[in-house]
Structures are given as C-alpha cells and as structure tokens.
C-alpha cells in the first residue's frame, strides 16, 4: 500500500496490471490513492462492468502461486489527463480485460488519417426510431460485426426490449444497423458459438438481422452524438 506521503506525490495516475506468468498486461486503469491495489484485494465494487474477466485472471494468477504485478505507467496527473492516458493505453494493449473502451476512445481514439477525415466530415445521424447504440471498438476485430454488436452486454432489459434497431458504432461512426427480434440471456445455451459467459452475469445478447435499406441508408457512415464527459458505457438508448 502507498503511504500518505507517496499518495500526495502521485496525485492521479494510470496503471497496468500484469500477469507475471507471461508478462501480459491484462488491465489498464486510472485512479488515485491505493486504487491500483484494490483489484487484487477484491475491493472493487461488484457493479464494475469488467469485473468478471479481470477477477478470473487475478484468481488464476494467485492459484498458480504468483502475485499480480502493478505498474504505475504515469503519475502526477490531473483527473482529465489521466482519463486520456488511460484511454490511449487501453488501445495500445488490445488484450486487456477492460470492456469499456476508455474515456473519449469512441470519438478521439486511434484512427487512420482517412478515418479522421471521415469522422469530422460525416453527417450527423438523425435517430428517429427506437434505437440502442452499441460501441464495438474493441470486439469488432474478433467477431463478425453482427456477433460483436449483439453479444454480450449489460443492458436495461426493459429498455433494450423496446429498441427496434441496434446501431453498431466504431470510432463514433455508425458502421451497421441491425433489426432486433429478441433479447436473450448471454448463456452458452442461447449463444453456443460465441463463448461461455455464465448464468448470473446480467449480460444479454440479441437475435436479429441486418435492417432494411430504407433504414440503413439514412444511418450508415453517419456520426452519433458526442458522449458526455466521463461516459464509458458502450450502450446508449434513443427514443426509449
């Protein structure tokens, strides 16, 4: 644990948790005080969206007879700067268990120059229908776009069930639109090809299909509204 004197010098900082068995960075976070140590001590709230994967790795490390390695990547920061550094590191370490993409990664994250041009010249999306927006920045590279969009999210099931369409968003742009047929608990029975999630995680996925062109044409390659400061949840609802 850091002493009070050290904490006063650290201010806000960005840290990495490293698996000593293979040297892999498996989590990136920001905070102050002794936040960096709280994960391994099991003190992080069970409401954290990425808790399950992170704690599973920590438990595996301890069962192997090792301890999590803690690296302070940058310190002496103000809170706003720590958000930006955290977001950049989440993109630099694609194997991390963070499910939320990092502060401003949706609209200021890593991008090709052509993507930057498109991002700032794309028309604004007019979201008139009942829509759930799902940011798939991290998962789109590992699954088909359909699977990355539909599986597996912590959603408000009553609100999500009202949504007629799901828009898949990458770096602030709508890249596909799906028509939602139904939401199901994200279990292996309901989604046998997409990996095991577990019975009691509170996560859901949907079944659906690509939306009609009459809907897609007005939304594809359009930019969604900028997210509020500090918002990292990949889910947003419109007209619900």
Protein backbone atom coordinates (compact mmCIF):
# COMPACT_ATOMS: atom_id res chain seq x y z
CA UNK A 1 0.00 0.00 0.00
CA UNK A 2 1.14 3.54 -0.67
CA UNK A 3 1.78 5.81 2.32
CA UNK A 4 0.05 9.18 2.64
CA UNK A 5 3.26 10.91 1.61
CA UNK A 6 3.50 8.85 -1.59
CA UNK A 7 -0.18 9.36 -2.37
CA UNK A 8 0.22 13.13 -2.15
CA UNK A 9 3.02 12.94 -4.74
CA UNK A 10 1.26 10.50 -7.06
CA UNK A 11 -1.96 12.55 -7.43
CA UNK A 12 -3.97 10.90 -10.25
CA UNK A 13 -2.16 8.10 -12.05
CA UNK A 14 -2.64 5.47 -14.75
CA UNK A 15 -1.65 1.91 -14.02
CA UNK A 16 -1.36 -1.51 -15.63
CA UNK A 17 -1.97 -4.91 -14.06
CA UNK A 18 0.43 -7.53 -15.43
CA UNK A 19 0.24 -11.32 -15.38
CA UNK A 20 3.70 -12.47 -14.17
CA UNK A 21 3.25 -15.84 -15.86
CA UNK A 22 3.57 -14.38 -19.36
CA UNK A 23 4.24 -10.67 -18.89
CA UNK A 24 0.88 -9.74 -20.43
CA UNK A 25 -0.87 -6.53 -19.45
CA UNK A 26 -4.44 -7.64 -18.71
CA UNK A 27 -5.96 -4.47 -17.28
CA UNK A 28 -5.47 -0.71 -17.55
CA UNK A 29 -6.97 1.69 -15.04
CA UNK A 30 -6.78 5.17 -13.59
CA UNK A 31 -7.23 6.44 -10.07
CA UNK A 32 -5.58 7.86 -7.01
CA UNK A 33 -4.74 6.70 -3.53
CA UNK A 34 -4.38 2.90 -3.42
CA UNK A 35 -6.77 2.18 -6.28
CA UNK A 36 -4.13 0.16 -8.16
CA UNK A 37 -4.02 -2.46 -5.39
CA UNK A 38 -7.76 -2.75 -4.77
CA UNK A 39 -8.38 -5.17 -7.68
CA UNK A 40 -6.13 -7.88 -6.28
CA UNK A 41 -7.56 -7.34 -2.79
CA UNK A 42 -11.08 -7.85 -4.13
CA UNK A 43 -12.25 -4.40 -3.06
CA UNK A 44 -13.57 -3.19 -6.43
CA UNK A 45 -17.38 -2.93 -6.49
CA UNK A 46 -19.23 -5.89 -7.96
CA UNK A 47 -21.00 -3.35 -10.15
CA UNK A 48 -17.89 -2.87 -12.29
CA UNK A 49 -18.73 -3.92 -15.85
CA UNK A 50 -15.41 -5.66 -16.46
CA UNK A 51 -15.14 -7.31 -13.04
CA UNK A 52 -15.68 -10.93 -14.09
CA UNK A 53 -12.86 -11.33 -16.63
CA UNK A 54 -10.44 -9.31 -14.53
CA UNK A 55 -11.08 -11.20 -11.31
CA UNK A 56 -10.89 -14.52 -13.12
CA UNK A 57 -7.37 -13.64 -14.32
CA UNK A 58 -6.36 -12.46 -10.83
CA UNK A 59 -7.62 -15.68 -9.27
CA UNK A 60 -5.76 -17.77 -11.85
CA UNK A 61 -2.55 -15.88 -11.07
CA UNK A 62 -2.93 -16.44 -7.32
CA UNK A 63 -3.82 -20.12 -7.75
CA UNK A 64 -0.57 -20.51 -9.70
CA UNK A 65 1.37 -19.19 -6.71
CA UNK A 66 2.11 -15.73 -8.11
CA UNK A 67 1.01 -12.18 -7.38
CA UNK A 68 -0.29 -9.58 -9.77
CA UNK A 69 2.38 -7.11 -10.86
CA UNK A 70 1.39 -3.45 -10.55
CA UNK A 71 2.96 -0.84 -12.81
CA UNK A 72 2.29 2.89 -12.45
CA UNK A 73 2.52 3.96 -16.08
CA UNK A 74 2.22 7.71 -15.50
CA UNK A 75 1.60 9.73 -12.33
CA UNK A 76 1.35 13.31 -11.12
CA UNK A 77 -1.64 13.88 -13.42
CA UNK A 78 -4.88 15.80 -13.07
CA UNK A 79 -8.03 13.72 -13.47
CA UNK A 80 -8.83 14.80 -17.04
CA UNK A 81 -5.32 13.93 -18.24
CA UNK A 82 -5.49 10.54 -16.51
CA UNK A 83 -8.66 9.73 -18.49
CA UNK A 84 -6.87 10.47 -21.75
CA UNK A 85 -3.77 8.42 -20.87
CA UNK A 86 -5.94 5.51 -19.73
CA UNK A 87 -7.89 5.54 -23.00
CA UNK A 88 -4.70 5.57 -25.06
CA UNK A 89 -3.23 2.62 -23.15
CA UNK A 90 -6.40 0.55 -23.48
CA UNK A 91 -5.98 0.86 -27.25
CA UNK A 92 -2.24 0.11 -27.03
CA UNK A 93 -2.84 -3.15 -25.13
CA UNK A 94 -5.65 -4.90 -27.07
CA UNK A 95 -5.64 -7.97 -24.81
CA UNK A 96 -6.80 -6.08 -21.71
CA UNK A 97 -9.96 -7.23 -19.96
CA UNK A 98 -11.47 -3.72 -19.88
CA UNK A 99 -14.84 -4.00 -21.60
CA UNK A 100 -15.50 -0.28 -21.56
CA UNK A 101 -13.35 1.38 -24.18
CA UNK A 102 -11.80 4.22 -22.25
CA UNK A 103 -12.55 7.92 -21.94
CA UNK A 104 -13.18 9.56 -25.36
CA UNK A 105 -11.89 6.49 -27.24
CA UNK A 106 -15.10 6.42 -29.23
CA UNK A 107 -14.52 9.85 -30.74
CA UNK A 108 -10.84 10.65 -30.15
CA UNK A 109 -9.28 7.19 -30.18
CA UNK A 110 -6.69 5.69 -32.51
CA UNK A 111 -7.68 6.05 -36.17
CA UNK A 112 -6.26 6.08 -39.69
CA UNK A 113 -5.91 9.54 -41.22
CA UNK A 114 -8.76 8.76 -43.61
CA UNK A 115 -10.93 7.81 -40.64
CA UNK A 116 -10.14 11.15 -39.02
CA UNK A 117 -11.28 12.96 -42.16
CA UNK A 118 -14.47 10.91 -42.30
CA UNK A 119 -15.17 11.34 -38.60
CA UNK A 120 -15.15 15.12 -38.79
CA UNK A 121 -16.93 15.46 -42.13
CA UNK A 122 -19.58 12.76 -41.67
CA UNK A 123 -23.16 14.00 -41.35
CA UNK A 124 -24.91 13.75 -38.00
CA UNK A 125 -27.18 10.73 -37.59
CA UNK A 126 -30.85 11.55 -37.15
CA UNK A 127 -32.03 8.87 -34.77
CA UNK A 128 -35.81 8.87 -35.09
CA UNK A 129 -36.64 5.23 -34.31
CA UNK A 130 -36.31 3.37 -31.02
CA UNK A 131 -32.60 2.61 -31.13
CA UNK A 132 -29.91 1.12 -28.94
CA UNK A 133 -26.41 2.32 -29.78
CA UNK A 134 -23.61 -0.20 -29.14
CA UNK A 135 -19.97 0.81 -29.41
CA UNK A 136 -17.97 -2.18 -30.66
CA UNK A 137 -14.49 -0.66 -30.97
CA UNK A 138 -12.69 -3.47 -29.14
CA UNK A 139 -14.78 -6.50 -30.11
CA UNK A 140 -15.35 -5.85 -33.81
CA UNK A 141 -11.89 -7.18 -34.70
CA UNK A 142 -12.54 -10.54 -33.01
CA UNK A 143 -16.03 -11.40 -34.27
CA UNK A 144 -18.25 -10.76 -37.22
CA UNK A 145 -19.82 -7.33 -36.96
CA UNK A 146 -23.19 -8.90 -36.24
CA UNK A 147 -21.83 -11.00 -33.37
CA UNK A 148 -19.73 -8.15 -31.99
CA UNK A 149 -22.84 -5.98 -31.87
CA UNK A 150 -25.30 -8.44 -30.41
CA UNK A 151 -23.24 -10.18 -27.72
CA UNK A 152 -22.90 -9.77 -24.72
CA UNK A 153 -23.91 -6.63 -22.87
CA UNK A 154 -25.14 -5.37 -19.54
CA UNK A 155 -28.34 -3.66 -20.64
CA UNK A 156 -31.54 -2.48 -19.04
CA UNK A 157 -33.65 -5.31 -20.38
CA UNK A 158 -36.95 -3.36 -20.27
CA UNK A 159 -35.37 -0.52 -22.27
CA UNK A 160 -33.41 -2.75 -24.62
CA UNK A 161 -36.54 -4.79 -25.35
CA UNK A 162 -38.22 -1.63 -26.62
CA UNK A 163 -35.45 -0.96 -29.15
CA UNK A 164 -36.37 -1.76 -32.74
CA UNK A 165 -32.85 -1.34 -34.11
CA UNK A 166 -29.27 -1.61 -32.89
CA UNK A 167 -26.61 0.62 -34.47
CA UNK A 168 -23.03 -0.67 -34.37
CA UNK A 169 -20.63 2.19 -33.74
CA UNK A 170 -16.87 2.25 -34.33
CA UNK A 171 -14.92 5.40 -33.52
CA UNK A 172 -18.10 7.44 -33.35
CA UNK A 173 -19.47 6.34 -36.75
CA UNK A 174 -22.38 4.00 -37.45
CA UNK A 175 -20.98 1.05 -39.41
CA UNK A 176 -24.07 -1.17 -39.48
CA UNK A 177 -27.72 -1.25 -38.44
CA UNK A 178 -29.48 -4.40 -37.21
CA UNK A 179 -33.17 -5.06 -36.71
CA UNK A 180 -33.69 -6.65 -33.28
CA UNK A 181 -36.00 -9.64 -32.98
CA UNK A 182 -35.48 -10.60 -29.32
CA UNK A 183 -33.04 -10.37 -26.40
CA UNK A 184 -31.83 -13.47 -24.57
CA UNK A 185 -29.59 -14.10 -21.53
CA UNK A 186 -25.99 -14.43 -22.71
CA UNK A 187 -25.61 -18.12 -21.89
CA UNK A 188 -23.90 -20.86 -23.84
CA UNK A 189 -27.30 -22.44 -24.49
CA UNK A 190 -28.57 -19.31 -26.22
CA UNK A 191 -25.32 -18.39 -27.99
CA UNK A 192 -23.36 -21.65 -28.34
CA UNK A 193 -20.80 -20.34 -30.85
CA UNK A 194 -19.88 -17.12 -29.07
CA UNK A 195 -18.15 -18.33 -25.94
CA UNK A 196 -19.20 -19.04 -22.38
CA UNK A 197 -20.42 -16.11 -20.27
CA UNK A 198 -22.30 -17.72 -17.39
CA UNK A 199 -25.78 -17.81 -15.96
CA UNK A 200 -25.74 -14.92 -13.48
CA UNK A 201 -23.69 -12.18 -15.10
CA UNK A 202 -26.64 -9.98 -16.04
CA UNK A 203 -25.48 -9.89 -19.65
CA UNK A 204 -27.74 -10.27 -22.68
CA UNK A 205 -27.47 -10.67 -26.41
CA UNK A 206 -29.97 -10.28 -29.20
CA UNK A 207 -31.09 -12.19 -32.24
CA UNK A 208 -31.81 -10.17 -35.34
CA UNK A 209 -30.85 -9.36 -38.91
CA UNK A 210 -29.47 -6.53 -41.00
CA UNK A 211 -32.01 -3.73 -41.10
CA UNK A 212 -33.85 -2.83 -44.32
CA UNK A 213 -32.05 -0.48 -46.69
CA UNK A 214 -34.72 2.13 -46.07
CA UNK A 215 -33.34 2.39 -42.51
CA UNK A 216 -29.65 1.73 -43.21
CA UNK A 217 -29.23 4.34 -45.95
CA UNK A 218 -30.01 7.22 -43.60
CA UNK A 219 -27.68 6.00 -40.86
CA UNK A 220 -24.60 4.25 -42.29
CA UNK A 221 -21.34 6.26 -42.01
CA UNK A 222 -23.16 8.94 -40.02
CA UNK A 223 -21.76 10.08 -36.69
CA UNK A 224 -23.57 9.62 -33.41
CA UNK A 225 -23.84 12.41 -30.81
CA UNK A 226 -20.70 13.06 -28.81
CA UNK A 227 -20.74 11.27 -25.50
CA UNK A 228 -20.88 13.25 -22.24
CA UNK A 229 -17.62 13.80 -20.40
CA UNK A 230 -16.60 10.71 -18.44
CA UNK A 231 -19.10 8.38 -20.14
CA UNK A 232 -17.53 5.00 -20.90
CA UNK A 233 -20.61 2.76 -21.13
CA UNK A 234 -20.77 1.28 -24.66
CA UNK A 235 -24.59 1.34 -24.54
CA UNK A 236 -26.89 4.30 -25.24
CA UNK A 237 -30.63 4.46 -25.88
CA UNK A 238 -32.60 6.78 -28.12
CA UNK A 239 -36.35 7.48 -28.03
CA UNK A 240 -36.86 4.86 -25.34
